[in-house]
Every structure is written in C-alpha cells, then in structure tokens.
Amino acid sequence: MGSFSIWHWLIVLVIVMLIFGTKKLRNIGTDLGGAVRGFKEGMREGDKAAEPPAPAQVTGKTVEGEVREKSEHRA
C-alpha cells in the first residue's frame, strides 16, 4: 500500500498518452513552460521596480532662473 513502483508509473504514462496523444501533451508542456518563463520575467521586473532610485548627484553648482506664467502660445 506504499508508493507506486516504476511499472505502475509506466502504465499510467501509457494510458495518459493514449487518451491525450503526444501532440496535445507537447502543447500543454509548451504552454506551461511559457507561463513559467513569463512568471519569472515578471518577478525580475518587479524586483527592478522595487529597487530604490539612485541618489541625486550634487555638483555644487547653483542654477538661477525665474518663474514665468505659462503662456498659451510660444514663439
């Protein structure tokens, strides 16, 4: 009543291949692989977005200017 032997697993594999066919099983494997790959890429992008931005570099220069009203037309 313990675990299945190798012969049990081979019989199950043959039955699954007869029911679904090798093409269907290949398509399922391809879809599953693509989903896992997409998940990993999403996790990498999420890690990059969670990183704190680099601190601004201070150059010691002062920039002077004045604030003007926003105009509708620019020349």
N, C-alpha and C. Protein backbone atom coordinates (compact mmCIF):
# COMPACT_ATOMS: atom_id res chain seq x y z
N MET A 1 0.80 -1.20 0.00
CA MET A 1 0.00 0.00 0.00
C MET A 1 0.85 1.26 0.00
N GLY A 2 2.16 1.14 -0.06
CA GLY A 2 3.06 2.29 -0.04
C GLY A 2 3.03 3.03 -1.37
N SER A 3 4.19 3.41 -1.84
CA SER A 3 4.27 4.16 -3.08
C SER A 3 4.17 3.23 -4.29
N PHE A 4 3.91 3.83 -5.44
CA PHE A 4 3.80 3.06 -6.67
C PHE A 4 5.18 2.65 -7.17
N SER A 5 5.25 1.51 -7.82
CA SER A 5 6.51 1.08 -8.41
C SER A 5 6.67 1.73 -9.78
N ILE A 6 7.82 1.54 -10.40
CA ILE A 6 8.09 2.11 -11.71
C ILE A 6 7.12 1.58 -12.75
N TRP A 7 6.69 0.35 -12.62
CA TRP A 7 5.76 -0.25 -13.58
C TRP A 7 4.40 0.42 -13.51
N HIS A 8 3.97 0.78 -12.32
CA HIS A 8 2.69 1.49 -12.18
C HIS A 8 2.75 2.83 -12.91
N TRP A 9 3.86 3.57 -12.72
CA TRP A 9 4.01 4.87 -13.36
C TRP A 9 4.09 4.75 -14.88
N LEU A 10 4.75 3.71 -15.39
CA LEU A 10 4.82 3.50 -16.83
C LEU A 10 3.44 3.21 -17.42
N ILE A 11 2.65 2.40 -16.73
CA ILE A 11 1.29 2.12 -17.21
C ILE A 11 0.45 3.39 -17.22
N VAL A 12 0.56 4.21 -16.18
CA VAL A 12 -0.18 5.48 -16.12
C VAL A 12 0.26 6.39 -17.27
N LEU A 13 1.55 6.44 -17.53
CA LEU A 13 2.07 7.27 -18.62
C LEU A 13 1.53 6.81 -19.97
N VAL A 14 1.49 5.50 -20.21
CA VAL A 14 0.97 4.98 -21.47
C VAL A 14 -0.52 5.30 -21.62
N ILE A 15 -1.28 5.18 -20.55
CA ILE A 15 -2.72 5.48 -20.61
C ILE A 15 -2.94 6.97 -20.90
N VAL A 16 -2.16 7.84 -20.25
CA VAL A 16 -2.29 9.28 -20.49
C VAL A 16 -1.95 9.61 -21.94
N MET A 17 -0.90 8.98 -22.47
CA MET A 17 -0.52 9.24 -23.86
C MET A 17 -1.59 8.75 -24.82
N LEU A 18 -2.25 7.65 -24.51
CA LEU A 18 -3.32 7.14 -25.37
C LEU A 18 -4.54 8.06 -25.33
N ILE A 19 -4.83 8.59 -24.17
CA ILE A 19 -6.01 9.45 -24.04
C ILE A 19 -5.78 10.81 -24.71
N PHE A 20 -4.66 11.47 -24.38
CA PHE A 20 -4.43 12.83 -24.86
C PHE A 20 -3.65 12.90 -26.17
N GLY A 21 -2.80 11.95 -26.42
CA GLY A 21 -1.95 12.00 -27.61
C GLY A 21 -0.70 12.81 -27.35
N THR A 22 0.35 12.51 -28.08
CA THR A 22 1.63 13.18 -27.84
C THR A 22 1.61 14.65 -28.25
N LYS A 23 0.85 14.98 -29.30
CA LYS A 23 0.79 16.37 -29.75
C LYS A 23 0.13 17.26 -28.69
N LYS A 24 -0.95 16.77 -28.11
CA LYS A 24 -1.65 17.54 -27.08
C LYS A 24 -0.76 17.71 -25.85
N LEU A 25 -0.05 16.64 -25.46
CA LEU A 25 0.85 16.72 -24.31
C LEU A 25 2.00 17.69 -24.59
N ARG A 26 2.50 17.71 -25.81
CA ARG A 26 3.58 18.64 -26.18
C ARG A 26 3.08 20.07 -26.10
N ASN A 27 1.85 20.33 -26.56
CA ASN A 27 1.28 21.68 -26.50
C ASN A 27 1.09 22.12 -25.05
N ILE A 28 0.64 21.21 -24.21
CA ILE A 28 0.46 21.53 -22.79
C ILE A 28 1.80 21.87 -22.17
N GLY A 29 2.84 21.09 -22.49
CA GLY A 29 4.18 21.37 -21.97
C GLY A 29 4.71 22.70 -22.43
N THR A 30 4.48 23.04 -23.70
CA THR A 30 4.93 24.32 -24.24
C THR A 30 4.22 25.48 -23.55
N ASP A 31 2.91 25.35 -23.38
CA ASP A 31 2.15 26.40 -22.71
C ASP A 31 2.59 26.57 -21.26
N LEU A 32 2.81 25.46 -20.58
CA LEU A 32 3.25 25.53 -19.19
C LEU A 32 4.63 26.16 -19.09
N GLY A 33 5.54 25.81 -19.99
CA GLY A 33 6.87 26.40 -19.99
C GLY A 33 6.83 27.89 -20.26
N GLY A 34 5.98 28.31 -21.19
CA GLY A 34 5.83 29.74 -21.47
C GLY A 34 5.27 30.51 -20.29
N ALA A 35 4.34 29.89 -19.58
CA ALA A 35 3.76 30.55 -18.40
C ALA A 35 4.80 30.70 -17.30
N VAL A 36 5.61 29.68 -17.09
CA VAL A 36 6.66 29.76 -16.07
C VAL A 36 7.69 30.82 -16.46
N ARG A 37 8.06 30.86 -17.73
CA ARG A 37 9.03 31.85 -18.21
C ARG A 37 8.48 33.26 -18.02
N GLY A 38 7.22 33.47 -18.35
CA GLY A 38 6.59 34.78 -18.17
C GLY A 38 6.53 35.18 -16.71
N PHE A 39 6.25 34.22 -15.84
CA PHE A 39 6.20 34.50 -14.41
C PHE A 39 7.58 34.93 -13.90
N LYS A 40 8.63 34.24 -14.33
CA LYS A 40 9.99 34.59 -13.90
C LYS A 40 10.38 35.98 -14.39
N GLU A 41 10.03 36.32 -15.62
CA GLU A 41 10.34 37.65 -16.15
C GLU A 41 9.59 38.73 -15.37
N GLY A 42 8.35 38.45 -15.03
CA GLY A 42 7.56 39.39 -14.24
C GLY A 42 8.16 39.60 -12.86
N MET A 43 8.67 38.53 -12.26
CA MET A 43 9.30 38.65 -10.95
C MET A 43 10.58 39.48 -11.05
N ARG A 44 11.36 39.29 -12.12
CA ARG A 44 12.58 40.08 -12.30
C ARG A 44 12.23 41.56 -12.48
N GLU A 45 11.19 41.86 -13.28
CA GLU A 45 10.79 43.25 -13.49
C GLU A 45 10.27 43.86 -12.20
N GLY A 46 9.58 43.08 -11.40
CA GLY A 46 9.08 43.57 -10.12
C GLY A 46 10.21 43.88 -9.17
N ASP A 47 11.26 43.07 -9.19
CA ASP A 47 12.42 43.33 -8.34
C ASP A 47 13.13 44.61 -8.77
N LYS A 48 13.22 44.84 -10.08
CA LYS A 48 13.87 46.05 -10.57
C LYS A 48 13.07 47.29 -10.18
N ALA A 49 11.74 47.20 -10.24
CA ALA A 49 10.89 48.34 -9.89
C ALA A 49 10.93 48.62 -8.40
N ALA A 50 11.19 47.62 -7.58
CA ALA A 50 11.20 47.79 -6.13
C ALA A 50 12.51 48.37 -5.62
N GLU A 51 13.56 48.39 -6.45
CA GLU A 51 14.83 48.95 -6.02
C GLU A 51 14.70 50.46 -5.84
N PRO A 52 15.30 51.01 -4.78
CA PRO A 52 15.21 52.46 -4.59
C PRO A 52 16.02 53.18 -5.66
N PRO A 53 15.56 54.35 -6.07
CA PRO A 53 16.30 55.09 -7.11
C PRO A 53 17.65 55.56 -6.57
N ALA A 54 18.58 55.74 -7.47
CA ALA A 54 19.91 56.20 -7.08
C ALA A 54 19.81 57.64 -6.56
N PRO A 55 20.59 57.98 -5.54
CA PRO A 55 20.52 59.35 -5.02
C PRO A 55 21.04 60.35 -6.05
N ALA A 56 20.49 61.55 -6.01
CA ALA A 56 20.89 62.59 -6.95
C ALA A 56 22.32 63.02 -6.65
N GLN A 57 23.07 63.25 -7.71
CA GLN A 57 24.45 63.69 -7.53
C GLN A 57 24.48 65.20 -7.33
N VAL A 58 25.19 65.62 -6.33
CA VAL A 58 25.31 67.04 -6.03
C VAL A 58 26.59 67.54 -6.68
N THR A 59 26.46 68.57 -7.54
CA THR A 59 27.63 69.09 -8.25
C THR A 59 28.18 70.34 -7.59
N GLY A 60 27.44 70.96 -6.71
CA GLY A 60 27.92 72.19 -6.06
C GLY A 60 27.67 73.43 -6.89
N LYS A 61 26.97 73.32 -8.01
CA LYS A 61 26.69 74.48 -8.86
C LYS A 61 25.28 74.97 -8.58
N THR A 62 25.11 76.27 -8.61
CA THR A 62 23.80 76.87 -8.39
C THR A 62 23.25 77.33 -9.72
N VAL A 63 22.02 77.01 -9.99
CA VAL A 63 21.36 77.42 -11.22
C VAL A 63 20.33 78.47 -10.85
N GLU A 64 20.44 79.63 -11.47
CA GLU A 64 19.49 80.69 -11.18
C GLU A 64 18.52 80.83 -12.34
N GLY A 65 17.32 81.24 -12.03
CA GLY A 65 16.31 81.45 -13.05
C GLY A 65 15.11 82.14 -12.46
N GLU A 66 14.11 82.34 -13.25
CA GLU A 66 12.89 82.96 -12.76
C GLU A 66 11.70 82.16 -13.26
N VAL A 67 10.64 82.24 -12.51
CA VAL A 67 9.42 81.52 -12.85
C VAL A 67 8.53 82.46 -13.62
N ARG A 68 8.05 82.01 -14.77
CA ARG A 68 7.15 82.82 -15.58
C ARG A 68 5.80 82.12 -15.64
N GLU A 69 4.82 82.89 -15.99
CA GLU A 69 3.49 82.32 -16.16
C GLU A 69 3.48 81.47 -17.43
N LYS A 70 2.71 80.44 -17.40
CA LYS A 70 2.61 79.57 -18.56
C LYS A 70 1.80 80.28 -19.64
N SER A 71 2.35 80.42 -20.82
CA SER A 71 1.65 81.10 -21.90
C SER A 71 1.00 80.06 -22.82
N GLU A 72 -0.06 80.49 -23.49
CA GLU A 72 -0.80 79.60 -24.38
C GLU A 72 -0.02 79.34 -25.66
N HIS A 73 0.66 80.38 -26.19
CA HIS A 73 1.37 80.26 -27.46
C HIS A 73 2.84 80.57 -27.23
N ARG A 74 3.66 79.74 -27.76
CA ARG A 74 5.10 80.01 -27.69
C ARG A 74 5.60 80.36 -29.07
N ALA A 75 6.58 81.25 -29.11
CA ALA A 75 7.12 81.69 -30.39
C ALA A 75 8.23 80.80 -30.84
